[in-house]
Protein backbone atom coordinates (compact mmCIF):
# COMPACT_ATOMS: atom_id res chain seq x y z
CA MET A 1 -314.62 60.85 -133.98
CA ARG A 2 -318.14 62.22 -133.93
CA ASN A 3 -320.96 59.77 -133.32
CA GLU A 4 -324.58 60.25 -132.45
CA PHE A 5 -327.10 58.13 -130.60
CA THR A 6 -330.76 58.66 -129.86
CA ALA A 7 -332.51 58.51 -126.48
CA VAL A 8 -336.11 59.23 -125.58
CA VAL A 9 -336.50 61.48 -122.53
CA GLU A 10 -339.40 63.22 -120.82
CA ARG A 11 -339.62 66.93 -120.17
CA ASP A 12 -342.63 68.48 -118.43
CA GLY A 13 -344.87 65.66 -119.63
CA PRO A 14 -344.48 65.44 -123.45
CA TRP A 15 -341.96 63.10 -125.01
CA PHE A 16 -339.25 64.25 -127.38
CA VAL A 17 -336.08 62.91 -129.00
CA ALA A 18 -332.69 64.23 -127.96
CA TYR A 19 -329.59 63.87 -130.14
CA CYS A 20 -326.34 63.85 -128.17
CA ALA A 21 -323.35 64.82 -130.26
CA GLU A 22 -319.68 63.93 -129.90
CA VAL A 23 -320.35 60.73 -127.99
CA PRO A 24 -317.77 58.10 -128.96
CA GLY A 25 -318.66 54.42 -128.85
CA ALA A 26 -322.10 54.37 -130.38
CA ASN A 27 -322.30 50.66 -129.54
CA GLY A 28 -322.40 51.38 -125.81
CA GLN A 29 -325.17 50.40 -123.38
CA VAL A 30 -327.73 53.16 -122.71
CA ALA A 31 -330.17 54.09 -119.93
CA VAL A 32 -331.97 57.31 -118.92
CA GLY A 33 -332.81 58.92 -115.59
CA ASP A 34 -333.20 62.32 -113.91
CA PHE A 35 -329.92 62.76 -112.03
CA GLY A 36 -330.54 66.39 -110.99
CA THR A 37 -330.54 69.87 -112.50
CA PHE A 38 -327.80 70.56 -115.03
CA PRO A 39 -328.43 73.91 -116.74
CA GLU A 40 -326.39 75.14 -119.69
CA THR A 41 -325.25 78.04 -117.54
CA GLY A 42 -325.09 78.21 -113.77
CA GLN A 43 -324.47 75.68 -111.03
CA ASP A 44 -325.25 71.98 -111.35
CA ASP A 45 -327.51 70.75 -108.58
CA ARG A 46 -327.76 67.07 -107.70
CA SER A 47 -330.17 67.69 -104.83
CA HIS A 48 -333.04 68.91 -107.04
CA THR A 49 -334.43 67.20 -110.09
CA ASP A 50 -335.87 69.26 -112.96
CA GLY A 51 -337.94 66.60 -114.79
CA ILE A 52 -335.40 66.40 -117.61
CA ALA A 53 -333.74 63.02 -117.98
CA GLU A 54 -330.02 62.60 -118.48
CA ILE A 55 -328.57 59.81 -120.62
CA VAL A 56 -326.19 57.17 -119.26
CA VAL A 57 -323.84 55.48 -121.71
CA VAL A 58 -321.50 52.63 -120.75
CA TYR A 59 -318.78 51.68 -123.22
CA LEU A 60 -315.15 50.59 -123.14
CA GLY A 61 -315.22 50.18 -119.38
CA VAL A 62 -316.34 53.76 -118.67
CA ALA A 63 -319.76 55.06 -117.58
CA HIS A 64 -320.80 58.55 -118.78
CA VAL A 65 -323.77 60.74 -117.96
CA PHE A 66 -324.77 63.31 -120.62
CA THR A 67 -327.42 65.99 -120.68
CA VAL A 68 -329.88 66.10 -123.55
CA THR A 69 -327.65 68.66 -125.23
CA GLY A 70 -324.61 66.36 -125.09
CA ARG A 71 -322.73 67.88 -122.14
CA GLU A 72 -320.98 65.32 -119.99
CA VAL A 73 -321.79 65.82 -116.31
CA PHE A 74 -320.27 62.62 -114.85
CA SER A 75 -317.91 59.82 -115.79
CA ALA A 76 -316.25 56.98 -113.90
CA ASN A 77 -314.08 53.99 -114.79
CA LEU A 78 -315.61 50.63 -113.93
CA ARG A 79 -313.66 48.43 -111.59
CA GLY A 80 -313.03 44.93 -112.87
CA THR A 81 -312.91 45.37 -116.65
CA TYR A 82 -310.32 44.04 -119.07
CA GLY A 83 -309.82 42.74 -122.60
CA ALA A 84 -312.29 42.76 -125.42
CA THR A 85 -315.14 41.52 -123.22
CA GLY A 86 -316.45 42.59 -119.86
CA GLN A 87 -316.49 46.26 -120.83
CA GLY A 88 -319.71 46.99 -119.01
CA GLY A 89 -323.21 45.62 -119.26
CA PRO A 90 -326.57 47.43 -119.54
CA PRO A 91 -326.83 49.98 -116.72
CA VAL A 92 -329.67 49.96 -114.20
CA ILE A 93 -330.77 53.26 -112.63
CA ALA A 94 -332.08 53.44 -109.05
CA ASP A 95 -331.63 55.15 -105.68
CA PHE A 96 -329.34 52.58 -104.12
CA ASP A 97 -328.24 54.45 -100.97
CA GLY A 98 -331.55 56.08 -99.99
CA ASP A 99 -330.40 59.70 -100.36
CA GLY A 100 -333.16 60.57 -102.84
CA ARG A 101 -330.72 60.70 -105.77
CA LEU A 102 -330.17 58.25 -108.60
CA GLU A 103 -327.11 56.04 -108.91
CA ILE A 104 -325.94 53.62 -111.64
CA GLY A 105 -325.51 49.86 -111.29
CA VAL A 106 -323.42 48.08 -113.94
CA ALA A 107 -321.44 44.84 -114.22
CA GLY A 108 -317.81 44.60 -115.25
CA ALA A 109 -315.82 41.47 -116.05
CA THR A 110 -314.69 40.76 -112.48
CA ALA A 111 -316.76 43.16 -110.36
CA TYR A 112 -320.25 44.57 -110.03
CA ASN A 113 -320.21 48.37 -109.60
CA VAL A 114 -322.60 50.96 -108.23
CA LEU A 115 -321.52 54.39 -109.47
CA ASP A 116 -322.51 57.60 -107.68
CA PRO A 117 -321.99 61.12 -109.06
CA ASP A 118 -321.85 62.29 -105.41
CA CYS A 119 -318.57 60.35 -104.98
CA ARG A 120 -316.72 63.14 -106.81
CA GLY A 121 -315.43 66.51 -105.63
CA THR A 122 -316.39 67.49 -102.10
CA LEU A 123 -317.56 64.30 -100.37
CA ASP A 124 -320.46 64.08 -97.96
CA PRO A 125 -321.01 60.84 -95.98
CA ALA A 126 -324.76 61.39 -96.28
CA THR A 127 -324.62 61.04 -100.06
CA CYS A 128 -321.42 58.98 -100.54
CA ALA A 129 -321.08 56.66 -97.56
CA SER A 130 -317.95 54.97 -98.89
CA LEU A 131 -316.17 58.36 -99.29
CA SER A 132 -314.70 57.02 -102.50
CA THR A 133 -313.33 59.67 -104.86
CA ASP A 134 -313.35 57.69 -108.13
CA GLY A 135 -317.13 57.84 -108.60
CA VAL A 136 -317.64 54.23 -107.45
CA LEU A 137 -319.88 53.92 -104.39
CA TRP A 138 -318.94 50.25 -104.05
CA ALA A 139 -317.77 47.29 -106.11
CA GLN A 140 -318.06 43.59 -105.35
CA PRO A 141 -316.10 40.76 -107.03
CA SER A 142 -317.96 38.69 -109.59
CA GLN A 143 -317.21 36.49 -112.56
CA GLY A 144 -318.90 37.74 -115.69
CA ASN A 145 -316.52 37.88 -118.63
CA MET A 146 -319.54 38.41 -120.90
CA SER A 147 -320.86 41.27 -118.78
CA ASP A 148 -321.07 43.45 -121.87
CA LEU A 149 -324.12 41.32 -122.66
CA THR A 150 -325.61 40.74 -119.20
CA GLY A 151 -327.68 43.17 -117.16
CA SER A 152 -328.95 43.36 -113.61
CA ALA A 153 -332.14 44.35 -111.82
CA ALA A 154 -332.90 46.75 -108.97
CA PHE A 155 -335.82 46.67 -106.56
CA ASP A 156 -336.51 47.83 -103.01
CA PHE A 157 -337.30 44.42 -101.55
CA ASP A 158 -337.58 45.51 -97.91
CA GLY A 159 -339.26 48.89 -98.51
CA ASP A 160 -336.61 50.99 -96.74
CA GLY A 161 -336.17 53.47 -99.59
CA ARG A 162 -332.95 51.84 -100.79
CA ALA A 163 -332.93 49.57 -103.83
CA GLU A 164 -331.19 46.21 -103.75
CA VAL A 165 -329.35 44.78 -106.77
CA ALA A 166 -329.91 41.30 -108.24
CA TYR A 167 -327.19 40.06 -110.58
CA SER A 168 -326.22 36.65 -111.97
CA ASP A 169 -322.69 36.06 -113.19
CA GLU A 170 -321.27 32.83 -114.59
CA CYS A 171 -321.14 31.13 -111.18
CA PHE A 172 -323.59 32.76 -108.76
CA THR A 173 -326.86 34.62 -108.48
CA ARG A 174 -326.46 37.31 -105.82
CA LEU A 175 -328.58 39.96 -104.14
CA TYR A 176 -326.55 42.99 -103.00
CA ASP A 177 -327.39 45.66 -100.47
CA GLY A 178 -327.67 48.80 -102.60
CA ALA A 179 -325.90 51.11 -100.13
CA THR A 180 -322.93 48.95 -99.11
CA GLY A 181 -322.67 46.09 -101.61
CA LYS A 182 -323.05 43.49 -98.86
CA VAL A 183 -324.15 40.14 -100.27
CA LEU A 184 -327.62 39.49 -98.85
CA TYR A 185 -328.26 36.28 -100.76
CA ALA A 186 -326.21 34.00 -103.02
CA ARG A 187 -326.95 30.81 -104.84
CA SER A 188 -324.48 28.75 -106.82
CA GLU A 189 -325.42 27.90 -110.36
CA ASP A 190 -324.20 24.36 -109.62
CA ALA A 191 -326.95 24.02 -107.01
CA LEU A 192 -329.69 24.20 -109.62
CA SER A 193 -331.62 20.95 -109.94
CA GLN A 194 -332.46 19.04 -113.09
CA VAL A 195 -335.43 20.58 -114.88
CA ILE A 196 -336.50 17.67 -117.09
CA ASP A 197 -335.71 13.99 -117.43
CA PRO A 198 -333.24 13.36 -120.31
CA ARG A 199 -335.55 10.65 -121.66
CA SER A 200 -338.35 13.20 -121.93
CA VAL A 201 -335.97 15.54 -123.79
CA ALA A 202 -335.15 12.75 -126.24
CA MET A 203 -338.84 11.97 -126.78
CA MET A 204 -339.74 15.63 -127.35
CA ASN A 205 -336.84 16.17 -129.75
CA THR A 206 -337.79 13.07 -131.73
CA MET A 207 -341.41 14.16 -131.92
CA MET A 208 -340.62 17.78 -132.82
CA GLN A 209 -338.14 16.68 -135.51
CA GLU A 210 -340.98 14.99 -137.34
CA THR A 211 -342.57 18.42 -137.85
CA LEU A 212 -339.66 19.27 -140.17
CA LEU A 213 -339.27 15.79 -141.67
CA THR A 214 -342.84 14.74 -142.40
CA GLY A 215 -345.09 17.42 -140.88
CA THR A 216 -346.20 20.98 -141.51
CA ALA A 217 -342.66 22.45 -141.51
CA ARG A 218 -341.27 20.30 -144.33
CA LYS A 219 -340.24 23.48 -146.18
CA ALA A 220 -337.62 24.24 -143.53
CA GLU A 221 -334.10 24.14 -144.94
CA LEU A 222 -331.07 24.04 -142.64
CA PRO A 223 -328.53 21.74 -144.31
CA GLY A 224 -326.37 19.65 -142.03
CA TRP A 225 -328.23 20.46 -138.81
CA GLN A 226 -330.76 18.51 -136.80
CA ALA A 227 -333.67 20.84 -136.18
CA ALA A 228 -337.05 20.55 -134.53
CA GLY A 229 -340.00 22.84 -133.96
CA LYS A 230 -343.72 23.52 -134.11
CA THR A 231 -345.90 25.50 -136.49
CA GLY A 232 -349.06 27.29 -135.49
CA THR A 233 -352.00 29.00 -137.19
CA SER A 234 -354.85 30.69 -135.33
CA GLN A 235 -358.50 30.94 -136.35
CA ASP A 236 -359.25 32.77 -139.60
CA PHE A 237 -355.50 32.96 -140.33
CA ARG A 238 -355.06 35.89 -137.94
CA ASP A 239 -351.71 34.59 -136.65
CA ALA A 240 -349.08 32.34 -138.17
CA TRP A 241 -345.89 31.31 -136.44
CA PHE A 242 -343.09 28.82 -136.35
CA VAL A 243 -340.78 28.23 -133.39
CA GLY A 244 -337.80 26.01 -134.18
CA TYR A 245 -334.50 25.14 -132.63
CA THR A 246 -331.16 23.41 -133.04
CA SER A 247 -328.53 22.57 -130.46
CA HIS A 248 -327.15 26.07 -131.09
CA LEU A 249 -330.12 28.42 -131.26
CA VAL A 250 -333.86 28.80 -130.67
CA ALA A 251 -335.78 31.21 -132.91
CA GLY A 252 -339.44 32.02 -133.47
CA VAL A 253 -341.17 33.83 -136.32
CA TRP A 254 -344.66 35.34 -136.01
CA LEU A 255 -346.66 36.96 -138.80
CA GLY A 256 -349.94 38.79 -138.46
CA ASN A 257 -351.69 42.15 -138.66
CA ASP A 258 -351.52 44.73 -135.86
CA ASP A 259 -355.31 45.16 -135.90
CA ASN A 260 -355.94 41.40 -135.45
CA SER A 261 -357.51 41.14 -138.89
CA ALA A 262 -357.19 37.99 -140.97
CA THR A 263 -354.16 37.53 -143.21
CA LYS A 264 -354.34 36.27 -146.76
CA HIS A 265 -354.27 32.63 -145.67
CA VAL A 266 -350.81 32.75 -144.15
CA SER A 267 -350.15 29.61 -142.14
CA GLY A 268 -347.31 28.60 -139.88
CA GLY A 269 -345.98 26.13 -142.41
CA ASN A 270 -345.28 28.57 -145.25
CA LEU A 271 -343.92 32.12 -144.76
CA PRO A 272 -342.86 31.75 -141.10
CA VAL A 273 -340.91 28.58 -141.94
CA GLU A 274 -339.25 30.27 -144.92
CA ILE A 275 -338.21 33.30 -142.85
CA TRP A 276 -336.98 31.04 -140.05
CA SER A 277 -334.88 29.03 -142.51
CA ARG A 278 -333.18 32.12 -143.91
CA LEU A 279 -332.46 33.47 -140.45
CA MET A 280 -331.08 30.19 -139.13
CA ARG A 281 -328.84 29.61 -142.14
CA GLU A 282 -327.16 32.95 -141.50
CA ALA A 283 -326.98 32.42 -137.74
CA HIS A 284 -325.32 29.01 -138.13
CA LYS A 285 -322.58 30.05 -140.53
CA GLY A 286 -319.21 29.07 -139.09
CA VAL A 287 -320.79 27.22 -136.14
CA ALA A 288 -319.68 23.66 -135.46
CA VAL A 289 -322.51 21.23 -136.19
CA ALA A 290 -323.93 19.46 -133.13
CA ALA A 291 -326.84 17.06 -132.83
CA LEU A 292 -329.89 17.60 -130.66
CA PRO A 293 -329.80 15.92 -127.25
CA SER A 294 -331.06 12.36 -127.47
CA GLY A 295 -331.09 9.24 -125.38
CA THR A 296 -332.50 5.76 -124.91
CA TRP A 297 -336.19 5.96 -124.23
CA ARG A 298 -337.96 3.46 -126.49
CA ALA A 299 -339.40 0.43 -124.68
CA PRO A 300 -337.57 -2.92 -125.31
CA PRO A 301 -339.27 -5.19 -127.87
CA LEU A 302 -341.78 -7.71 -126.50
CA PRO A 303 -340.96 -11.46 -126.76
CA PRO A 304 -342.64 -13.21 -129.71
CA ALA A 305 -346.13 -14.38 -128.94
CA MET A 306 -346.81 -18.14 -128.86
CA PRO A 307 -349.05 -19.29 -131.75
CA PRO A 308 -352.68 -19.90 -130.73
CA GLY A 309 -353.19 -23.40 -129.34
CA LEU A 310 -349.49 -24.16 -128.93
CA ASP A 311 -349.59 -23.36 -125.23
CA MET A 312 -352.36 -25.99 -124.86
CA LEU A 313 -350.29 -28.63 -126.64
CA GLN A 314 -347.22 -27.78 -124.60
CA SER A 315 -349.19 -28.34 -121.42
CA LEU A 316 -349.72 -31.99 -122.48
CA LEU A 317 -346.00 -32.85 -122.33
CA PRO A 318 -344.87 -35.06 -119.42
CA GLY A 319 -343.24 -32.92 -116.74
CA SER A 320 -345.00 -29.74 -117.84
CA PRO A 321 -345.77 -27.46 -114.83
CA ALA A 322 -349.24 -26.86 -116.22
CA ARG A 323 -349.84 -30.59 -116.43
CA GLU A 324 -348.39 -31.36 -113.00
CA GLN A 325 -350.58 -28.73 -111.39
CA ALA A 326 -353.70 -29.63 -113.36
CA PRO A 327 -356.46 -31.25 -111.27
CA ALA A 328 -357.47 -34.81 -111.95
CA PRO A 329 -360.11 -35.16 -114.67
CA VAL A 330 -363.64 -35.18 -113.37
CA ALA A 331 -366.51 -36.75 -115.25
CA ALA A 332 -368.70 -34.07 -116.67
CA ALA A 333 -372.38 -33.98 -115.87
CA ARG A 334 -374.43 -35.52 -118.64
CA PRO A 335 -377.81 -34.27 -119.72
CA GLN A 336 -380.71 -36.45 -118.69
CA GLY A 337 -381.87 -38.87 -121.29
CA SER A 338 -378.63 -38.90 -123.28
CA ALA A 339 -376.28 -41.05 -121.18
CA ASP A 340 -375.69 -43.50 -124.03
CA ASN A 341 -374.92 -40.86 -126.66
CA TYR A 342 -372.84 -38.37 -124.64
CA PRO A 343 -369.04 -38.97 -125.07
CA ALA A 344 -366.91 -39.72 -122.04
CA PRO A 345 -364.38 -37.07 -120.92
CA ILE A 346 -360.89 -37.30 -122.41
CA ASN A 347 -358.24 -38.75 -120.12
CA LEU A 348 -355.01 -36.85 -120.85
CA ASP A 349 -352.75 -39.62 -119.51
CA GLN A 350 -354.39 -42.20 -121.76
CA ALA A 351 -354.14 -39.85 -124.74
CA ALA A 352 -350.39 -39.36 -124.18
CA GLN A 353 -349.84 -43.14 -123.83
CA ALA A 354 -351.75 -43.77 -127.03
CA ALA A 355 -349.70 -41.18 -128.88
CA ALA A 356 -346.46 -42.83 -127.70
CA ARG A 357 -347.72 -46.32 -128.65
CA TYR A 358 -348.85 -45.33 -132.14
CA PRO A 359 -346.39 -42.67 -133.39
CA LEU A 360 -347.19 -40.82 -136.57
CA PRO A 361 -345.09 -41.80 -139.61
CA THR A 362 -342.24 -39.39 -140.23
CA ALA A 363 -340.65 -38.46 -143.55
CA SER A 364 -337.01 -39.35 -144.21
CA VAL A 365 -335.33 -36.03 -143.52
CA PRO A 366 -331.57 -35.76 -143.01
CA PRO A 367 -330.59 -34.66 -139.55
CA THR A 368 -330.03 -30.96 -139.06
CA ARG A 369 -326.50 -29.62 -138.70
CA ARG A 370 -324.79 -26.28 -138.24
CA ARG A 371 -324.47 -24.26 -141.40
CA ASP A 372 -320.72 -23.94 -140.89
CA ALA A 373 -320.11 -27.66 -140.22
CA LEU A 374 -317.91 -29.00 -143.06
CA LEU A 375 -318.98 -32.65 -143.50
CA PRO A 376 -317.36 -34.85 -146.17
CA PRO A 377 -319.56 -36.66 -148.70
CA GLU A 378 -318.24 -40.06 -147.52
CA ASP A 379 -316.98 -41.53 -144.31
CA ILE A 380 -313.39 -40.76 -143.51
CA PRO A 381 -311.29 -43.95 -143.75
CA GLY A 382 -310.31 -45.26 -140.36
CA ALA A 383 -312.77 -43.01 -138.53
CA ASP A 384 -315.82 -44.08 -136.55
CA ALA A 385 -318.61 -43.91 -139.12
CA SER A 386 -321.48 -44.04 -136.68
CA ALA A 387 -324.21 -41.41 -137.05
CA GLU A 388 -323.43 -40.25 -133.53
CA HIS A 389 -320.01 -39.04 -134.66
CA ARG A 390 -320.95 -37.90 -138.15
CA TYR A 391 -323.69 -35.54 -137.00
CA PRO A 392 -323.73 -33.28 -133.96
CA PRO A 393 -326.34 -34.21 -131.32
CA ARG A 394 -329.57 -32.25 -131.27
CA GLU A 395 -332.56 -31.83 -128.99
CA PRO A 396 -335.83 -33.58 -130.00
CA SER A 397 -338.38 -31.27 -131.46
CA PHE A 398 -341.56 -30.31 -129.68
CA PHE A 399 -343.70 -32.70 -131.73
CA GLU A 400 -341.20 -35.52 -131.27
CA LYS A 401 -341.45 -35.03 -127.53
CA LEU A 402 -345.23 -34.98 -127.77
CA PHE A 403 -345.82 -37.87 -130.21
CA GLY A 404 -342.53 -39.77 -129.99
CA GLY A 405 -339.95 -40.50 -132.69
């Protein structure tokens, strides 16, 4: 089958587009780099670069290097690939072994590979230290079944002319020596600490949900899903955006002009929300519905407040801590010239005794009983008809304790 893909390469300064023909697997991962001199006629030369980039394509567990005219100059099978996934992630191009020539780093399902075109044909330890003949300079075990989606990074951390490789699989983040594959650093994903308190997550989700329920993103439509987000509009309507999320996906929509000019009054709550809704409805088709993370964060309700003045009355009851601790009444100072007209201070003990001696008349109210108590209209024959047995005992009310009765 004949497929084509497009890569941008540089030749003697100007940029141009090269179409490589007869390259199967157009869905492969692509990178570019100058791997040497590969003329249409004559001898290929890895030791000298010509300023013309070659194109690396990784697909179906195989890495290929093509010239801009479509000629394949290198290929190698990745170690550690199987099944429908793990067929090779995005390649990274660097000089991993310090020989002045480019190599290819790429992840497979169960191994990270560094591929070297010098590990083919006549081997030289100076350019292929492992002396491997399958095009693989080295491979280290990893666990990345989704490696067709994950990439890696290369950088010369110690400045020795050899790039190291940083790669995170499903279990570890590792830093490899570019020449040998030795693990220089590893950190388990389980060792990562908590980023945010779950109660804070619940509070933020609750707050952000209100943007879609009662706020500026009320036009958002994602039936069946809990969603939250935030709209935004910059001065003079130059930018309008909405960033929203569910438990499945986070997506943001920005609208504006490339020249930073004002839009025609586009705000974050209209077109961005509409576009976001259409995108999310398609992205959530066939996905099991799940709620946003939540938790208990609201403060417990406060006890009911005592009515004004009731605390003062309660302090008058015999045995009240406030009364027991209250100092003895002291005669207040009287203004000069008004000794006969100024009232004497109230004695709380005398007031309580007077209240007990002269109780207030009470209305004839039937004693209270439980709502579920089934009492007959008349006394049961042969039973004790005293009020003590007919009605359950109850505690005196506050005012009865205060004034008697």
